[in-house]
Amino acid sequence: MSREGWIGVDFDGTLAEYHGWNGGKLGNPIEPMVSRVKKWLKDGQKVKIFTARVSKANRSEEEAIYQEALITAWCLAFIGQELEITCEKDYLMIDLWDDRCHPVELNTGRDLLKGVI
């Protein structure tokens, strides 16, 4: 049974291998994460790709559209379906999987990796 809302999954370094920017080429799938996403989808959970690749803050609109098309094709090839792609979170995001995240305890500022404020 799915939870209401959506799970955000970062693309580079989380869902696909990333070894530095190489002209925008996409990396190979990271199998444990691909399997996790497929399970969530099978269970009826909404999953979105959450990536700066589609941000227009540091690239042209044309480049952002091109990156979205690359990721869409990648998802079709390795996940078996298109996923929504975004660079924005909203109140319906219930979880975020990202190689750059640092977990903080809700309403405290406590560092959950080091256990300190």
Foldseek 3Di string as FASTA:
>chain_A
DEDFFEAEEEADPTQFDDDDDDPLDTHHGPVVNLVVVLVCVVVVHAYEYAYCQLPCPPPPNVSSVVSLVNVQVVCCVRNVHGHHYYNDDDPRHPYYHDPPDFDADPPPRQGPVVRGD
